Amino acid sequence: MPELVVYLLEGRSVEHKRALVKDLTSAVVKNLGVPQESVTVSLVETARTDKAKGGVLFADMKAG
């Protein structure tokens, strides 16, 4: 029973998340030879004010 945990910043649409979990599931099925129903994907979203890189909050970084 493979389980994937994906950490990402908040703000993506349900359509983007749906496509992501579909593609990740397909990759696990293809590469590990397990049934699709056995793959669990968890998306863990973090607010831009609650995550930083290089000492700078993502909320303070310029987009782009």
N, C-alpha and C. Protein backbone atom coordinates (compact mmCIF):
# COMPACT_ATOMS: atom_id res chain seq x y z
N MET A 1 0.84 -1.18 0.00
CA MET A 1 0.00 0.00 0.00
C MET A 1 0.88 1.25 0.00
N PRO A 2 1.33 1.70 -1.17
CA PRO A 2 2.16 2.90 -1.23
C PRO A 2 1.38 4.14 -0.80
N GLU A 3 2.06 5.00 -0.09
CA GLU A 3 1.46 6.27 0.34
C GLU A 3 2.43 7.40 0.03
N LEU A 4 1.93 8.40 -0.68
CA LEU A 4 2.73 9.57 -1.02
C LEU A 4 2.21 10.76 -0.24
N VAL A 5 3.13 11.59 0.24
CA VAL A 5 2.77 12.83 0.91
C VAL A 5 3.46 13.96 0.14
N VAL A 6 2.64 14.90 -0.33
CA VAL A 6 3.16 16.01 -1.13
C VAL A 6 2.90 17.30 -0.36
N TYR A 7 3.96 18.04 -0.10
CA TYR A 7 3.85 19.33 0.58
C TYR A 7 3.86 20.42 -0.48
N LEU A 8 2.90 21.34 -0.40
CA LEU A 8 2.86 22.43 -1.36
C LEU A 8 2.25 23.67 -0.72
N LEU A 9 2.56 24.80 -1.31
CA LEU A 9 1.99 26.04 -0.83
C LEU A 9 0.52 26.10 -1.22
N GLU A 10 -0.28 26.72 -0.37
CA GLU A 10 -1.71 26.83 -0.63
C GLU A 10 -1.98 27.66 -1.88
N GLY A 11 -3.18 27.48 -2.42
CA GLY A 11 -3.61 28.34 -3.50
C GLY A 11 -3.86 27.67 -4.83
N ARG A 12 -3.62 26.39 -4.94
CA ARG A 12 -3.86 25.71 -6.21
C ARG A 12 -5.32 25.27 -6.29
N SER A 13 -5.82 25.22 -7.51
CA SER A 13 -7.22 24.86 -7.71
C SER A 13 -7.44 23.36 -7.50
N VAL A 14 -8.69 23.00 -7.31
CA VAL A 14 -9.05 21.60 -7.17
C VAL A 14 -8.71 20.86 -8.46
N GLU A 15 -8.87 21.50 -9.60
CA GLU A 15 -8.54 20.86 -10.87
C GLU A 15 -7.06 20.52 -10.94
N HIS A 16 -6.19 21.43 -10.49
CA HIS A 16 -4.75 21.16 -10.48
C HIS A 16 -4.41 20.01 -9.53
N LYS A 17 -5.04 20.00 -8.38
CA LYS A 17 -4.79 18.94 -7.40
C LYS A 17 -5.28 17.59 -7.94
N ARG A 18 -6.43 17.61 -8.57
CA ARG A 18 -6.99 16.39 -9.15
C ARG A 18 -6.04 15.81 -10.19
N ALA A 19 -5.53 16.66 -11.07
CA ALA A 19 -4.59 16.22 -12.11
C ALA A 19 -3.30 15.69 -11.49
N LEU A 20 -2.80 16.36 -10.46
CA LEU A 20 -1.57 15.93 -9.80
C LEU A 20 -1.72 14.54 -9.19
N VAL A 21 -2.78 14.33 -8.41
CA VAL A 21 -2.93 13.03 -7.75
C VAL A 21 -3.17 11.92 -8.78
N LYS A 22 -3.84 12.24 -9.87
CA LYS A 22 -4.04 11.25 -10.93
C LYS A 22 -2.70 10.84 -11.54
N ASP A 23 -1.86 11.82 -11.88
CA ASP A 23 -0.55 11.53 -12.47
C ASP A 23 0.38 10.81 -11.50
N LEU A 24 0.38 11.22 -10.24
CA LEU A 24 1.22 10.55 -9.25
C LEU A 24 0.79 9.09 -9.07
N THR A 25 -0.51 8.88 -8.99
CA THR A 25 -1.03 7.53 -8.84
C THR A 25 -0.63 6.66 -10.03
N SER A 26 -0.77 7.20 -11.23
CA SER A 26 -0.40 6.44 -12.43
C SER A 26 1.08 6.07 -12.43
N ALA A 27 1.92 6.99 -11.98
CA ALA A 27 3.37 6.73 -11.93
C ALA A 27 3.69 5.61 -10.94
N VAL A 28 3.02 5.61 -9.79
CA VAL A 28 3.26 4.57 -8.79
C VAL A 28 2.78 3.22 -9.32
N VAL A 29 1.61 3.20 -9.93
CA VAL A 29 1.08 1.95 -10.49
C VAL A 29 2.05 1.41 -11.54
N LYS A 30 2.51 2.27 -12.44
CA LYS A 30 3.42 1.86 -13.50
C LYS A 30 4.75 1.35 -12.95
N ASN A 31 5.34 2.05 -12.02
CA ASN A 31 6.68 1.73 -11.55
C ASN A 31 6.75 0.70 -10.45
N LEU A 32 5.69 0.57 -9.67
CA LEU A 32 5.70 -0.40 -8.57
C LEU A 32 4.82 -1.61 -8.84
N GLY A 33 4.00 -1.53 -9.89
CA GLY A 33 3.17 -2.67 -10.23
C GLY A 33 2.10 -2.98 -9.21
N VAL A 34 1.55 -1.95 -8.59
CA VAL A 34 0.50 -2.14 -7.60
C VAL A 34 -0.84 -1.70 -8.19
N PRO A 35 -1.94 -2.18 -7.62
CA PRO A 35 -3.24 -1.72 -8.11
C PRO A 35 -3.49 -0.25 -7.75
N GLN A 36 -4.17 0.43 -8.63
CA GLN A 36 -4.47 1.85 -8.43
C GLN A 36 -5.16 2.09 -7.10
N GLU A 37 -6.05 1.19 -6.71
CA GLU A 37 -6.82 1.36 -5.48
C GLU A 37 -5.96 1.30 -4.22
N SER A 38 -4.73 0.81 -4.34
CA SER A 38 -3.88 0.69 -3.16
C SER A 38 -3.02 1.94 -2.92
N VAL A 39 -3.05 2.88 -3.85
CA VAL A 39 -2.20 4.08 -3.76
C VAL A 39 -2.95 5.19 -3.04
N THR A 40 -2.33 5.72 -1.99
CA THR A 40 -2.89 6.85 -1.25
C THR A 40 -1.99 8.06 -1.47
N VAL A 41 -2.61 9.20 -1.78
CA VAL A 41 -1.87 10.45 -1.96
C VAL A 41 -2.46 11.47 -0.99
N SER A 42 -1.61 12.08 -0.19
CA SER A 42 -2.03 13.14 0.73
C SER A 42 -1.38 14.44 0.30
N LEU A 43 -2.19 15.48 0.14
CA LEU A 43 -1.67 16.81 -0.17
C LEU A 43 -1.72 17.64 1.10
N VAL A 44 -0.58 18.15 1.48
CA VAL A 44 -0.47 18.96 2.70
C VAL A 44 -0.15 20.38 2.27
N GLU A 45 -1.13 21.26 2.43
CA GLU A 45 -0.94 22.65 2.01
C GLU A 45 -0.48 23.50 3.19
N THR A 46 0.40 24.42 2.87
CA THR A 46 0.94 25.33 3.88
C THR A 46 0.68 26.77 3.43
N ALA A 47 0.27 27.59 4.36
CA ALA A 47 0.07 29.01 4.06
C ALA A 47 1.42 29.66 3.75
N ARG A 48 1.42 30.62 2.85
CA ARG A 48 2.66 31.32 2.48
C ARG A 48 3.27 32.05 3.67
N THR A 49 2.46 32.33 4.67
CA THR A 49 2.96 32.99 5.88
C THR A 49 3.56 32.00 6.87
N ASP A 50 3.43 30.71 6.58
CA ASP A 50 3.91 29.67 7.49
C ASP A 50 5.07 28.86 6.95
N LYS A 51 5.68 29.34 5.85
CA LYS A 51 6.80 28.61 5.26
C LYS A 51 7.81 29.62 4.73
N ALA A 52 9.09 29.27 4.90
CA ALA A 52 10.15 30.18 4.46
C ALA A 52 11.24 29.40 3.76
N LYS A 53 12.01 30.12 2.96
CA LYS A 53 13.17 29.55 2.29
C LYS A 53 14.27 30.61 2.35
N GLY A 54 15.44 30.19 2.78
CA GLY A 54 16.54 31.14 2.88
C GLY A 54 16.28 32.26 3.87
N GLY A 55 15.47 31.97 4.88
CA GLY A 55 15.19 32.96 5.91
C GLY A 55 14.13 33.98 5.53
N VAL A 56 13.45 33.76 4.42
CA VAL A 56 12.43 34.70 3.95
C VAL A 56 11.11 33.96 3.78
N LEU A 57 10.05 34.51 4.39
CA LEU A 57 8.74 33.90 4.23
C LEU A 57 8.32 33.93 2.75
N PHE A 58 7.65 32.89 2.32
CA PHE A 58 7.16 32.86 0.94
C PHE A 58 6.22 34.03 0.68
N ALA A 59 5.49 34.47 1.71
CA ALA A 59 4.60 35.62 1.56
C ALA A 59 5.37 36.90 1.24
N ASP A 60 6.63 36.96 1.62
CA ASP A 60 7.45 38.16 1.38
C ASP A 60 8.25 38.08 0.09
N MET A 61 8.21 36.94 -0.57
CA MET A 61 8.97 36.78 -1.82
C MET A 61 8.17 37.33 -2.99
N LYS A 62 8.88 37.88 -3.96
CA LYS A 62 8.21 38.36 -5.17
C LYS A 62 7.81 37.17 -6.02
N ALA A 63 6.63 37.27 -6.61
CA ALA A 63 6.14 36.20 -7.51
C ALA A 63 7.00 36.17 -8.77
N GLY A 64 7.14 34.96 -9.30
CA GLY A 64 7.87 34.87 -10.56
C GLY A 64 8.97 33.99 -10.46
